[in-house]
C-alpha atoms as a PDB file:
ATOM      1  CA  MET A   1      83.002  26.341 -11.382  1.00  0.00           C
ATOM      2  CA  THR A   2      82.037  30.317 -11.985  1.00  0.00           C
ATOM      3  CA  ALA A   3      78.388  31.684 -12.221  1.00  0.00           C
ATOM      4  CA  CYS A   4      75.967  30.004 -13.841  1.00  0.00           C
ATOM      5  CA  GLY A   5      76.149  29.967 -18.140  1.00  0.00           C
ATOM      6  CA  ASP A   6      77.487  26.903 -19.969  1.00  0.00           C
ATOM      7  CA  SER A   7      75.718  23.473 -19.735  1.00  0.00           C
ATOM      8  CA  LYS A   8      79.114  21.648 -18.181  1.00  0.00           C
ATOM      9  CA  GLU A   9      78.287  24.181 -15.378  1.00  0.00           C
ATOM     10  CA  LEU A  10      74.787  23.360 -15.634  1.00  0.00           C
ATOM     11  CA  LEU A  11      75.873  19.623 -14.836  1.00  0.00           C
ATOM     12  CA  GLU A  12      77.924  20.628 -12.391  1.00  0.00           C
ATOM     13  CA  PHE A  13      75.312  21.511 -10.549  1.00  0.00           C
ATOM     14  CA  VAL A  14      72.959  18.333 -10.854  1.00  0.00           C
ATOM     15  CA  ARG A  15      76.008  16.373  -9.995  1.00  0.00           C
ATOM     16  CA  ARG A  16      76.284  18.484  -6.245  1.00  0.00           C
ATOM     17  CA  LEU A  17      72.798  18.125  -5.375  1.00  0.00           C
ATOM     18  CA  PRO A  18      74.047  16.020  -2.200  1.00  0.00           C
ATOM     19  CA  ALA A  19      76.096  19.477  -1.167  1.00  0.00           C
ATOM     20  CA  PHE A  20      72.837  20.973  -1.466  1.00  0.00           C
ATOM     21  CA  GLU A  21      71.203  19.622   0.295  1.00  0.00           C
ATOM     22  CA  ALA A  22      73.860  18.986   3.237  1.00  0.00           C
ATOM     23  CA  PHE A  23      73.976  22.948   2.958  1.00  0.00           C
ATOM     24  CA  ASP A  24      70.497  23.041   3.211  1.00  0.00           C
ATOM     25  CA  GLY A  25      69.400  24.887   6.721  1.00  0.00           C
ATOM     26  CA  SER A  26      72.840  23.748   7.920  1.00  0.00           C
ATOM     27  CA  SER A  27      76.280  26.132   8.393  1.00  0.00           C
ATOM     28  CA  LEU A  28      78.934  23.599   7.271  1.00  0.00           C
ATOM     29  CA  GLY A  29      82.570  23.490   7.866  1.00  0.00           C
ATOM     30  CA  LYS A  30      84.555  21.201   5.229  1.00  0.00           C
ATOM     31  CA  ARG A  31      85.036  17.896   7.612  1.00  0.00           C
ATOM     32  CA  GLU A  32      80.938  18.548   8.704  1.00  0.00           C
ATOM     33  CA  LEU A  33      80.656  18.794   4.365  1.00  0.00           C
ATOM     34  CA  ALA A  34      82.558  15.576   3.546  1.00  0.00           C
ATOM     35  CA  GLU A  35      80.859  13.541   6.701  1.00  0.00           C
ATOM     36  CA  SER A  36      77.020  14.467   5.016  1.00  0.00           C
ATOM     37  CA  VAL A  37      77.682  13.817   1.403  1.00  0.00           C
ATOM     38  CA  SER A  38      80.504  10.988   2.393  1.00  0.00           C
ATOM     39  CA  VAL A  39      83.438  12.286   0.616  1.00  0.00           C
ATOM     40  CA  SER A  40      86.808  13.017   1.252  1.00  0.00           C
ATOM     41  CA  ARG A  41      87.920  16.484   3.065  1.00  0.00           C
ATOM     42  CA  PRO A  42      90.216  17.503  -0.346  1.00  0.00           C
ATOM     43  CA  THR A  43      86.701  16.841  -2.643  1.00  0.00           C
ATOM     44  CA  ALA A  44      84.622  18.717   0.377  1.00  0.00           C
ATOM     45  CA  HIS A  45      87.248  21.148   0.011  1.00  0.00           C
ATOM     46  CA  ARG A  46      87.267  21.496  -3.593  1.00  0.00           C
ATOM     47  CA  ILE A  47      83.216  21.516  -3.624  1.00  0.00           C
ATOM     48  CA  ILE A  48      83.009  24.716  -0.962  1.00  0.00           C
ATOM     49  CA  GLU A  49      85.595  26.502  -3.309  1.00  0.00           C
ATOM     50  CA  SER A  50      83.477  25.902  -6.226  1.00  0.00           C
ATOM     51  CA  PHE A  51      80.425  27.042  -4.462  1.00  0.00           C
ATOM     52  CA  GLU A  52      81.896  29.933  -3.239  1.00  0.00           C
ATOM     53  CA  GLN A  53      83.431  31.256  -6.707  1.00  0.00           C
ATOM     54  CA  ALA A  54      79.687  30.639  -7.901  1.00  0.00           C
ATOM     55  CA  ASP A  55      78.131  32.877  -5.386  1.00  0.00           C
ATOM     56  CA  LEU A  56      76.058  29.744  -3.660  1.00  0.00           C
ATOM     57  CA  ILE A  57      77.066  29.577  -0.413  1.00  0.00           C
ATOM     58  CA  GLU A  58      79.175  32.303   2.236  1.00  0.00           C
ATOM     59  CA  ARG A  59      81.371  31.895   4.553  1.00  0.00           C
ATOM     60  CA  ARG A  60      79.722  33.062   8.460  1.00  0.00           C
ATOM     61  CA  ASN A  61      81.454  32.487  11.324  1.00  0.00           C
ATOM     62  CA  GLY A  62      84.306  30.029   9.984  1.00  0.00           C
ATOM     63  CA  THR A  63      81.117  28.132   8.094  1.00  0.00           C
ATOM     64  CA  TYR A  64      79.767  27.839   4.895  1.00  0.00           C
ATOM     65  CA  GLU A  65      75.852  28.728   4.695  1.00  0.00           C
ATOM     66  CA  LEU A  66      73.946  29.032   1.242  1.00  0.00           C
ATOM     67  CA  THR A  67      73.314  32.021  -0.441  1.00  0.00           C
ATOM     68  CA  PRO A  68      69.543  32.851  -1.522  1.00  0.00           C
ATOM     69  CA  TYR A  69      70.750  32.384  -4.778  1.00  0.00           C
ATOM     70  CA  GLY A  70      72.376  29.031  -3.576  1.00  0.00           C
ATOM     71  CA  GLU A  71      68.997  28.273  -2.190  1.00  0.00           C
ATOM     72  CA  ALA A  72      67.278  28.733  -5.116  1.00  0.00           C
ATOM     73  CA  VAL A  73      69.856  26.770  -7.462  1.00  0.00           C
ATOM     74  CA  GLY A  74      69.305  24.381  -4.720  1.00  0.00           C
ATOM     75  CA  ASP A  75      65.639  24.169  -4.932  1.00  0.00           C
ATOM     76  CA  ILE A  76      65.630  23.850  -8.624  1.00  0.00           C
ATOM     77  CA  VAL A  77      67.855  21.313  -9.085  1.00  0.00           C
ATOM     78  CA  ARG A  78      65.681  19.214  -6.367  1.00  0.00           C
ATOM     79  CA  THR A  79      63.040  19.626  -8.983  1.00  0.00           C
ATOM     80  CA  TYR A  80      64.993  18.483 -11.838  1.00  0.00           C
ATOM     81  CA  ARG A  81      66.126  15.236 -10.605  1.00  0.00           C
ATOM     82  CA  ASP A  82      62.826  14.524  -8.802  1.00  0.00           C
ATOM     83  CA  GLU A  83      61.384  15.135 -11.861  1.00  0.00           C
ATOM     84  CA  ILE A  84      64.036  12.720 -14.105  1.00  0.00           C
ATOM     85  CA  VAL A  85      62.811   9.886 -11.404  1.00  0.00           C
ATOM     86  CA  SER A  86      59.721  10.599 -12.183  1.00  0.00           C
ATOM     87  CA  VAL A  87      59.870  10.430 -15.511  1.00  0.00           C
ATOM     88  CA  ASN A  88      62.278   7.577 -16.085  1.00  0.00           C
ATOM     89  CA  SER A  89      59.583   5.521 -13.835  1.00  0.00           C
ATOM     90  CA  LEU A  90      57.099   6.183 -16.924  1.00  0.00           C
ATOM     91  CA  LYS A  91      59.555   5.532 -19.479  1.00  0.00           C
ATOM     92  CA  SER A  92      57.755   1.651 -20.835  1.00  0.00           C
ATOM     93  CA  LEU A  93      54.434   3.889 -21.036  1.00  0.00           C
ATOM     94  CA  ILE A  94      55.898   6.437 -22.451  1.00  0.00           C
ATOM     95  CA  ASN A  95      57.310   5.037 -25.637  1.00  0.00           C
ATOM     96  CA  SER A  96      54.448   2.951 -25.961  1.00  0.00           C
ATOM     97  CA  LEU A  97      51.870   5.839 -26.719  1.00  0.00           C
ATOM     98  CA  PRO A  98      50.878   7.210 -30.204  1.00  0.00           C
ATOM     99  CA  ASP A  99      51.578  11.065 -30.095  1.00  0.00           C
ATOM    100  CA  ASP A 100      47.787  12.028 -30.589  1.00  0.00           C
ATOM    101  CA  VAL A 101      46.844  11.347 -27.307  1.00  0.00           C
ATOM    102  CA  GLY A 102      48.228  13.901 -25.692  1.00  0.00           C
ATOM    103  CA  PHE A 103      49.934  12.517 -22.821  1.00  0.00           C
ATOM    104  CA  ASP A 104      51.703  14.204 -20.508  1.00  0.00           C
ATOM    105  CA  TYR A 105      53.316  12.465 -17.681  1.00  0.00           C
ATOM    106  CA  ARG A 106      53.314  15.204 -15.414  1.00  0.00           C
ATOM    107  CA  LEU A 107      49.870  14.276 -14.858  1.00  0.00           C
ATOM    108  CA  PHE A 108      51.402  10.959 -13.595  1.00  0.00           C
ATOM    109  CA  SER A 109      54.045  11.912 -11.873  1.00  0.00           C
ATOM    110  CA  ASP A 110      53.020  10.329  -8.312  1.00  0.00           C
ATOM    111  CA  ALA A 111      51.393   7.354  -9.676  1.00  0.00           C
ATOM    112  CA  VAL A 112      51.978   4.097  -8.466  1.00  0.00           C
ATOM    113  CA  VAL A 113      53.897   1.669 -11.103  1.00  0.00           C
ATOM    114  CA  THR A 114      53.515  -1.835 -10.938  1.00  0.00           C
ATOM    115  CA  GLU A 115      55.708  -3.462 -13.504  1.00  0.00           C
ATOM    116  CA  ALA A 116      56.239  -7.209 -14.293  1.00  0.00           C
ATOM    117  CA  SER A 117      59.161  -9.493 -13.463  1.00  0.00           C
ATOM    118  CA  TYR A 118      60.792 -12.788 -14.213  1.00  0.00           C
ATOM    119  CA  ASP A 119      59.051 -14.469 -10.700  1.00  0.00           C
ATOM    120  CA  ASN A 120      56.297 -12.440 -11.266  1.00  0.00           C
ATOM    121  CA  PRO A 121      54.672 -11.728 -14.400  1.00  0.00           C
ATOM    122  CA  PHE A 122      51.093 -10.934 -13.403  1.00  0.00           C
ATOM    123  CA  ARG A 123      51.701  -8.154 -10.740  1.00  0.00           C
ATOM    124  CA  PRO A 124      50.312  -5.444 -13.465  1.00  0.00           C
ATOM    125  CA  MET A 125      47.336  -7.586 -14.002  1.00  0.00           C
ATOM    126  CA  ASN A 126      46.977  -8.362 -10.035  1.00  0.00           C
ATOM    127  CA  ARG A 127      47.273  -4.035  -9.462  1.00  0.00           C
ATOM    128  CA  PHE A 128      44.365  -4.391 -11.612  1.00  0.00           C
ATOM    129  CA  ILE A 129      42.011  -6.462 -10.567  1.00  0.00           C
ATOM    130  CA  GLU A 130      42.913  -5.201  -7.019  1.00  0.00           C
ATOM    131  CA  LEU A 131      41.617  -1.778  -7.926  1.00  0.00           C
ATOM    132  CA  PHE A 132      38.632  -3.417 -10.342  1.00  0.00           C
ATOM    133  CA  GLU A 133      37.318  -5.324  -7.395  1.00  0.00           C
ATOM    134  CA  GLY A 134      36.878  -2.503  -4.669  1.00  0.00           C
ATOM    135  CA  ALA A 135      35.261  -0.371  -8.103  1.00  0.00           C
ATOM    136  CA  THR A 136      31.467   0.495  -8.302  1.00  0.00           C
ATOM    137  CA  ARG A 137      32.082   1.587 -12.130  1.00  0.00           C
ATOM    138  CA  ILE A 138      34.604   1.416 -14.457  1.00  0.00           C
ATOM    139  CA  GLN A 139      35.094   2.546 -17.919  1.00  0.00           C
ATOM    140  CA  GLY A 140      38.335   2.453 -20.732  1.00  0.00           C
ATOM    141  CA  PHE A 141      39.685   0.551 -23.532  1.00  0.00           C
ATOM    142  CA  ASN A 142      40.173  -3.212 -23.376  1.00  0.00           C
ATOM    143  CA  LYS A 143      43.026  -3.954 -25.747  1.00  0.00           C
ATOM    144  CA  SER A 144      43.521  -7.602 -24.234  1.00  0.00           C
ATOM    145  CA  PHE A 145      42.156 -10.390 -23.303  1.00  0.00           C
ATOM    146  CA  LEU A 146      41.600 -11.290 -19.388  1.00  0.00           C
ATOM    147  CA  GLU A 147      43.818 -14.470 -18.208  1.00  0.00           C
ATOM    148  CA  PRO A 148      40.739 -17.330 -17.286  1.00  0.00           C
ATOM    149  CA  MET A 149      42.082 -17.021 -13.678  1.00  0.00           C
ATOM    150  CA  TYR A 150      40.286 -13.109 -13.893  1.00  0.00           C
ATOM    151  CA  ILE A 151      37.270 -14.189 -15.582  1.00  0.00           C
ATOM    152  CA  ASP A 152      34.961 -15.213 -12.829  1.00  0.00           C
ATOM    153  CA  VAL A 153      36.581 -11.929 -10.311  1.00  0.00           C
ATOM    154  CA  ALA A 154      35.627  -9.807 -12.968  1.00  0.00           C
ATOM    155  CA  TYR A 155      31.919 -11.169 -13.728  1.00  0.00           C
ATOM    156  CA  GLU A 156      31.087 -11.189 -10.200  1.00  0.00           C
ATOM    157  CA  GLN A 157      31.749  -7.709  -9.831  1.00  0.00           C
ATOM    158  CA  ILE A 158      29.741  -7.158 -12.847  1.00  0.00           C
ATOM    159  CA  GLU A 159      27.044  -8.940 -11.685  1.00  0.00           C
ATOM    160  CA  ALA A 160      27.107  -7.567  -8.083  1.00  0.00           C
ATOM    161  CA  GLY A 161      26.032  -4.305 -10.163  1.00  0.00           C
ATOM    162  CA  MET A 162      29.270  -2.499 -11.581  1.00  0.00           C
ATOM    163  CA  GLU A 163      28.428   0.216 -14.204  1.00  0.00           C
ATOM    164  CA  SER A 164      30.817  -0.832 -17.236  1.00  0.00           C
ATOM    165  CA  ASP A 165      31.267   1.157 -20.051  1.00  0.00           C
ATOM    166  CA  ILE A 166      34.082  -0.262 -21.821  1.00  0.00           C
ATOM    167  CA  ILE A 167      35.069  -0.031 -25.450  1.00  0.00           C
ATOM    168  CA  TYR A 168      36.819  -3.237 -27.284  1.00  0.00           C
ATOM    169  CA  GLU A 169      39.439  -4.247 -30.052  1.00  0.00           C
ATOM    170  CA  PRO A 170      37.588  -6.695 -32.407  1.00  0.00           C
ATOM    171  CA  ASN A 171      39.905  -9.543 -31.443  1.00  0.00           C
ATOM    172  CA  VAL A 172      39.048  -9.266 -27.861  1.00  0.00           C
ATOM    173  CA  ILE A 173      35.541  -9.130 -28.078  1.00  0.00           C
ATOM    174  CA  ASP A 174      35.892 -12.082 -30.586  1.00  0.00           C
ATOM    175  CA  LEU A 175      37.578 -13.777 -27.935  1.00  0.00           C
ATOM    176  CA  VAL A 176      35.191 -13.576 -25.049  1.00  0.00           C
ATOM    177  CA  VAL A 177      32.077 -14.179 -26.487  1.00  0.00           C
ATOM    178  CA  SER A 178      33.781 -17.877 -28.351  1.00  0.00           C
ATOM    179  CA  GLU A 179      35.117 -18.369 -25.199  1.00  0.00           C
ATOM    180  CA  TYR A 180      32.526 -17.697 -22.549  1.00  0.00           C
ATOM    181  CA  PRO A 181      29.241 -17.156 -24.304  1.00  0.00           C
ATOM    182  CA  ASN A 182      27.600 -17.547 -21.102  1.00  0.00           C
ATOM    183  CA  ILE A 183      29.507 -15.130 -18.960  1.00  0.00           C
ATOM    184  CA  ALA A 184      29.013 -12.825 -22.131  1.00  0.00           C
ATOM    185  CA  GLN A 185      25.540 -12.954 -22.399  1.00  0.00           C
ATOM    186  CA  LYS A 186      24.424 -12.755 -18.884  1.00  0.00           C
ATOM    187  CA  ALA A 187      26.810  -9.472 -18.364  1.00  0.00           C
ATOM    188  CA  PHE A 188      25.045  -8.038 -21.573  1.00  0.00           C
ATOM    189  CA  GLU A 189      21.719  -8.803 -20.266  1.00  0.00           C
ATOM    190  CA  ASN A 190      22.107  -7.767 -17.194  1.00  0.00           C
ATOM    191  CA  GLY A 191      22.095  -3.633 -18.017  1.00  0.00           C
ATOM    192  CA  HIS A 192      25.304  -2.594 -16.486  1.00  0.00           C
ATOM    193  CA  VAL A 193      27.482  -3.145 -19.135  1.00  0.00           C
ATOM    194  CA  THR A 194      27.847  -0.797 -22.034  1.00  0.00           C
ATOM    195  CA  ALA A 195      30.527  -1.792 -24.309  1.00  0.00           C
ATOM    196  CA  ALA A 196      31.365  -0.611 -28.299  1.00  0.00           C
ATOM    197  CA  VAL A 197      33.947  -1.609 -30.646  1.00  0.00           C
ATOM    198  CA  HIS A 198      37.202   0.002 -31.955  1.00  0.00           C
ATOM    199  CA  ASP A 199      39.807  -1.217 -34.482  1.00  0.00           C
ATOM    200  CA  ASP A 200      42.764   0.664 -33.302  1.00  0.00           C
ATOM    201  CA  LEU A 201      42.653   1.843 -29.522  1.00  0.00           C
ATOM    202  CA  PRO A 202      45.454   3.894 -28.351  1.00  0.00           C
ATOM    203  CA  LEU A 203      46.229   2.339 -24.681  1.00  0.00           C
ATOM    204  CA  ALA A 204      44.908   0.065 -22.163  1.00  0.00           C
ATOM    205  CA  MET A 205      42.809   2.519 -19.879  1.00  0.00           C
ATOM    206  CA  ALA A 206      40.698   1.600 -17.158  1.00  0.00           C
ATOM    207  CA  ILE A 207      39.044   4.854 -14.745  1.00  0.00           C
ATOM    208  CA  PHE A 208      37.537   3.226 -11.879  1.00  0.00           C
ATOM    209  CA  ASP A 209      35.732   5.493  -8.892  1.00  0.00           C
ATOM    210  CA  GLY A 210      38.401   8.338  -8.422  1.00  0.00           C
ATOM    211  CA  ARG A 211      41.736   6.909 -10.220  1.00  0.00           C
ATOM    212  CA  ILE A 212      42.921   5.745 -13.420  1.00  0.00           C
ATOM    213  CA  GLY A 213      45.105   3.467 -14.288  1.00  0.00           C
ATOM    214  CA  LEU A 214      47.021   2.996 -17.873  1.00  0.00           C
ATOM    215  CA  GLY A 215      48.506  -0.570 -19.375  1.00  0.00           C
ATOM    216  CA  VAL A 216      51.550  -1.272 -20.908  1.00  0.00           C
ATOM    217  CA  HIS A 217      51.872  -4.360 -23.343  1.00  0.00           C
ATOM    218  CA  ALA A 218      54.095  -6.000 -25.031  1.00  0.00           C
ATOM    219  CA  GLU A 219      53.661  -6.584 -28.654  1.00  0.00           C
ATOM    220  CA  SER A 220      53.625 -10.410 -28.090  1.00  0.00           C
ATOM    221  CA  MET A 221      51.563 -10.187 -24.883  1.00  0.00           C
ATOM    222  CA  GLY A 222      48.536 -10.051 -24.070  1.00  0.00           C
ATOM    223  CA  THR A 223      48.899  -9.590 -20.143  1.00  0.00           C
ATOM    224  CA  PRO A 224      50.365  -6.255 -19.831  1.00  0.00           C
ATOM    225  CA  ILE A 225      54.228  -5.731 -18.532  1.00  0.00           C
ATOM    226  CA  ALA A 226      53.212  -2.627 -16.383  1.00  0.00           C
ATOM    227  CA  TRP A 227      50.293  -1.070 -15.085  1.00  0.00           C
ATOM    228  CA  VAL A 228      50.411   3.003 -13.837  1.00  0.00           C
ATOM    229  CA  ASP A 229      47.834   4.613 -11.636  1.00  0.00           C
ATOM    230  CA  THR A 230      47.136   7.826 -10.364  1.00  0.00           C
ATOM    231  CA  ASP A 231      43.799   9.299  -8.574  1.00  0.00           C
ATOM    232  CA  ASN A 232      45.489  12.724  -9.738  1.00  0.00           C
ATOM    233  CA  PRO A 233      41.827  14.937 -10.775  1.00  0.00           C
ATOM    234  CA  GLU A 234      43.841  16.328 -13.980  1.00  0.00           C
ATOM    235  CA  ALA A 235      45.070  12.520 -14.671  1.00  0.00           C
ATOM    236  CA  ILE A 236      41.344  11.281 -14.629  1.00  0.00           C
ATOM    237  CA  ALA A 237      39.586  14.651 -16.616  1.00  0.00           C
ATOM    238  CA  TRP A 238      42.083  13.766 -19.650  1.00  0.00           C
ATOM    239  CA  GLY A 239      41.334   9.935 -19.545  1.00  0.00           C
ATOM    240  CA  GLU A 240      37.791  10.871 -19.413  1.00  0.00           C
ATOM    241  CA  ALA A 241      38.210  12.924 -22.576  1.00  0.00           C
ATOM    242  CA  LEU A 242      40.515  10.604 -24.163  1.00  0.00           C
ATOM    243  CA  PHE A 243      38.004   7.629 -23.628  1.00  0.00           C
ATOM    244  CA  GLU A 244      34.843  10.509 -25.125  1.00  0.00           C
ATOM    245  CA  ARG A 245      36.641  10.891 -28.134  1.00  0.00           C
ATOM    246  CA  TYR A 246      37.364   7.453 -29.198  1.00  0.00           C
ATOM    247  CA  LYS A 247      33.721   6.380 -28.125  1.00  0.00           C
ATOM    248  CA  THR A 248      32.251   8.372 -31.042  1.00  0.00           C
ATOM    249  CA  GLU A 249      34.328   6.530 -33.180  1.00  0.00           C
ATOM    250  CA  SER A 250      33.329   3.734 -32.432  1.00  0.00           C
ATOM    251  CA  THR A 251      30.394   0.798 -33.414  1.00  0.00           C
ATOM    252  CA  PRO A 252      28.245   0.347 -30.484  1.00  0.00           C
ATOM    253  CA  LEU A 253      27.889  -3.340 -29.298  1.00  0.00           C
ATOM    254  CA  VAL A 254      24.433  -5.124 -29.081  1.00  0.00           C
ATOM    255  CA  TYR A 255      25.125  -8.486 -28.138  1.00  0.00           C
ATOM    256  CA  PRO A 256      23.177 -11.116 -30.421  1.00  0.00           C
END
């Protein structure tokens, strides 16, 4: 590995991240490096040889240390690794979003990602309810009908005074009104619910007190298959701007 240039050498830097981390703040010989990254002595020798040729390390008093350049490259490779891990956790969300929402995955780099599993398909919905129960206000997009087991929880929160400003897709509000007419009427009559209808919402979204959550739905399922939430103020600001944009296109709902 020579001085950083072509893509093959760049990939080699990424592949050798454990070695960069082993050398970080440490002086190592071949044996210590082999033990730190769990490789054989010959492999450790090849790593040291390639790092030395690329000016990533230098020999001092019989051991090797990162050069300032090596420290900089190690930091960059670590950041790259962390970003790949972060964006991979958001894969299902990113692939489900339309292009025009202006989603920036970096705003959700520290998000809690809750995915459905075979033995617990309601994990994302349970995470949503956990956030919902502790909130005093909610605004967002509703693209799916709440499972019956959660209807009472939602109604209790609204009855307790939660301020709700929700944009529904038509099929969702039709189901709510037809399946739970008494609950729907009481919810709208208490003055804490503002609702509107939009034919084509871009995603499922809920903005609580200082937290935003996004839901991922499969075409054949109303229950979300993943829920992604963060308290990043910039992510919340993005969600609020998106909400206002769709609210201007929505039709206010007046309960009959």
